[in-house]
Amino acid sequence: MVVGLFVVRRHELTDESWAVIEPFLAPPRMGRPVRDRRQVVNGILWKLSTGAAWRDLPERYGPWKTVYERFRRWSADGTWDRLL
């Protein structure tokens, strides 16, 4: 599906969905540049919907370990609970 200038893949968020979810995510921290949060969420959604191993995450979502660590952090700090 094409939304704006972006092709939205099957397991990825539309602009409208991202607008709803983004306020629930912690703002980027100071210091090292952080991976794009939408890209990370899309990677998490891909992993959860496919059931694949974290290490099999497609490169377009960034390093699998980064996506996994963000998933773990957001699980521990209640971010997923607030989203759901």
C-alpha atoms as a PDB file:
ATOM      1  CA  MET A   1       0.000   0.000   0.000  1.00  0.00           C
ATOM      2  CA  VAL A   2       1.293   3.482  -0.802  1.00  0.00           C
ATOM      3  CA  VAL A   3       0.724   6.195   1.814  1.00  0.00           C
ATOM      4  CA  GLY A   4       2.068   9.617   0.954  1.00  0.00           C
ATOM      5  CA  LEU A   5       5.569   9.048  -0.402  1.00  0.00           C
ATOM      6  CA  PHE A   6       6.115   5.829   1.540  1.00  0.00           C
ATOM      7  CA  VAL A   7       5.287   2.256   0.688  1.00  0.00           C
ATOM      8  CA  VAL A   8       3.658   0.688   3.745  1.00  0.00           C
ATOM      9  CA  ARG A   9       4.529  -2.958   4.088  1.00  0.00           C
ATOM     10  CA  ARG A  10       2.187  -5.519   5.559  1.00  0.00           C
ATOM     11  CA  HIS A  11       3.518  -5.395   9.129  1.00  0.00           C
ATOM     12  CA  GLU A  12       4.256  -1.670   9.263  1.00  0.00           C
ATOM     13  CA  LEU A  13       2.406   1.268  10.718  1.00  0.00           C
ATOM     14  CA  THR A  14       0.499   3.755   8.588  1.00  0.00           C
ATOM     15  CA  ASP A  15       1.028   7.465   9.233  1.00  0.00           C
ATOM     16  CA  GLU A  16      -2.309   7.555  11.046  1.00  0.00           C
ATOM     17  CA  SER A  17      -1.382   4.642  13.328  1.00  0.00           C
ATOM     18  CA  TRP A  18       2.017   6.169  14.052  1.00  0.00           C
ATOM     19  CA  ALA A  19       0.375   9.483  15.026  1.00  0.00           C
ATOM     20  CA  VAL A  20      -1.640   7.623  17.678  1.00  0.00           C
ATOM     21  CA  ILE A  21       1.291   5.564  19.027  1.00  0.00           C
ATOM     22  CA  GLU A  22       4.131   8.103  18.974  1.00  0.00           C
ATOM     23  CA  PRO A  23       3.012  10.147  22.027  1.00  0.00           C
ATOM     24  CA  PHE A  24       3.199   7.012  24.207  1.00  0.00           C
ATOM     25  CA  LEU A  25       6.874   6.415  23.442  1.00  0.00           C
ATOM     26  CA  ALA A  26       9.600   8.071  25.464  1.00  0.00           C
ATOM     27  CA  PRO A  27      11.237  11.011  23.692  1.00  0.00           C
ATOM     28  CA  PRO A  28      14.724  10.385  22.312  1.00  0.00           C
ATOM     29  CA  ARG A  29      17.434  10.713  24.947  1.00  0.00           C
ATOM     30  CA  MET A  30      20.349  13.103  24.806  1.00  0.00           C
ATOM     31  CA  GLY A  31      23.723  11.717  23.816  1.00  0.00           C
ATOM     32  CA  ARG A  32      24.204   9.087  21.152  1.00  0.00           C
ATOM     33  CA  PRO A  33      21.852   9.309  18.184  1.00  0.00           C
ATOM     34  CA  VAL A  34      18.991   6.861  18.602  1.00  0.00           C
ATOM     35  CA  ARG A  35      17.420   4.641  15.990  1.00  0.00           C
ATOM     36  CA  ASP A  36      14.204   5.964  14.465  1.00  0.00           C
ATOM     37  CA  ARG A  37      11.420   4.895  16.858  1.00  0.00           C
ATOM     38  CA  ARG A  38       8.937   4.178  14.067  1.00  0.00           C
ATOM     39  CA  GLN A  39      11.466   1.891  12.386  1.00  0.00           C
ATOM     40  CA  VAL A  40      11.979   0.055  15.681  1.00  0.00           C
ATOM     41  CA  VAL A  41       8.232  -0.342  16.305  1.00  0.00           C
ATOM     42  CA  ASN A  42       7.814  -1.670  12.770  1.00  0.00           C
ATOM     43  CA  GLY A  43      10.598  -4.176  13.449  1.00  0.00           C
ATOM     44  CA  ILE A  44       8.916  -5.287  16.665  1.00  0.00           C
ATOM     45  CA  LEU A  45       5.585  -5.683  14.868  1.00  0.00           C
ATOM     46  CA  TRP A  46       7.275  -7.724  12.131  1.00  0.00           C
ATOM     47  CA  LYS A  47       8.922 -10.008  14.680  1.00  0.00           C
ATOM     48  CA  LEU A  48       5.743 -10.520  16.714  1.00  0.00           C
ATOM     49  CA  SER A  49       3.543 -11.138  13.673  1.00  0.00           C
ATOM     50  CA  THR A  50       5.937 -13.567  11.976  1.00  0.00           C
ATOM     51  CA  GLY A  51       7.194 -15.431  15.033  1.00  0.00           C
ATOM     52  CA  ALA A  52      10.697 -15.394  13.561  1.00  0.00           C
ATOM     53  CA  ALA A  53      13.828 -15.228  15.693  1.00  0.00           C
ATOM     54  CA  TRP A  54      15.124 -11.758  16.574  1.00  0.00           C
ATOM     55  CA  ARG A  55      18.301 -12.484  14.612  1.00  0.00           C
ATOM     56  CA  ASP A  56      16.201 -12.985  11.460  1.00  0.00           C
ATOM     57  CA  LEU A  57      14.853  -9.425  11.559  1.00  0.00           C
ATOM     58  CA  PRO A  58      15.166  -7.823   8.091  1.00  0.00           C
ATOM     59  CA  GLU A  59      17.895  -5.188   7.842  1.00  0.00           C
ATOM     60  CA  ARG A  60      15.375  -2.450   6.964  1.00  0.00           C
ATOM     61  CA  TYR A  61      14.384  -2.365  10.671  1.00  0.00           C
ATOM     62  CA  GLY A  62      17.926  -1.799  11.878  1.00  0.00           C
ATOM     63  CA  PRO A  63      20.157  -4.037  13.978  1.00  0.00           C
ATOM     64  CA  TRP A  64      18.152  -6.879  15.529  1.00  0.00           C
ATOM     65  CA  LYS A  65      19.792  -6.320  18.907  1.00  0.00           C
ATOM     66  CA  THR A  66      18.723  -2.667  18.980  1.00  0.00           C
ATOM     67  CA  VAL A  67      15.124  -3.600  18.178  1.00  0.00           C
ATOM     68  CA  TYR A  68      15.173  -6.386  20.776  1.00  0.00           C
ATOM     69  CA  GLU A  69      16.640  -4.132  23.487  1.00  0.00           C
ATOM     70  CA  ARG A  70      14.028  -1.452  22.810  1.00  0.00           C
ATOM     71  CA  PHE A  71      11.265  -4.089  22.974  1.00  0.00           C
ATOM     72  CA  ARG A  72      12.680  -5.338  26.280  1.00  0.00           C
ATOM     73  CA  ARG A  73      13.033  -1.820  27.724  1.00  0.00           C
ATOM     74  CA  TRP A  74       9.515  -0.817  26.692  1.00  0.00           C
ATOM     75  CA  SER A  75       8.166  -4.063  28.172  1.00  0.00           C
ATOM     76  CA  ALA A  76       9.932  -3.453  31.489  1.00  0.00           C
ATOM     77  CA  ASP A  77       8.974   0.221  31.831  1.00  0.00           C
ATOM     78  CA  GLY A  78       5.271  -0.308  31.013  1.00  0.00           C
ATOM     79  CA  THR A  79       5.271   1.380  27.605  1.00  0.00           C
ATOM     80  CA  TRP A  80       3.457  -1.547  25.973  1.00  0.00           C
ATOM     81  CA  ASP A  81       0.887  -1.574  28.781  1.00  0.00           C
ATOM     82  CA  ARG A  82       0.158   2.127  28.184  1.00  0.00           C
ATOM     83  CA  LEU A  83      -0.108   1.562  24.425  1.00  0.00           C
ATOM     84  CA  LEU A  84      -2.510  -1.315  24.784  1.00  0.00           C
END
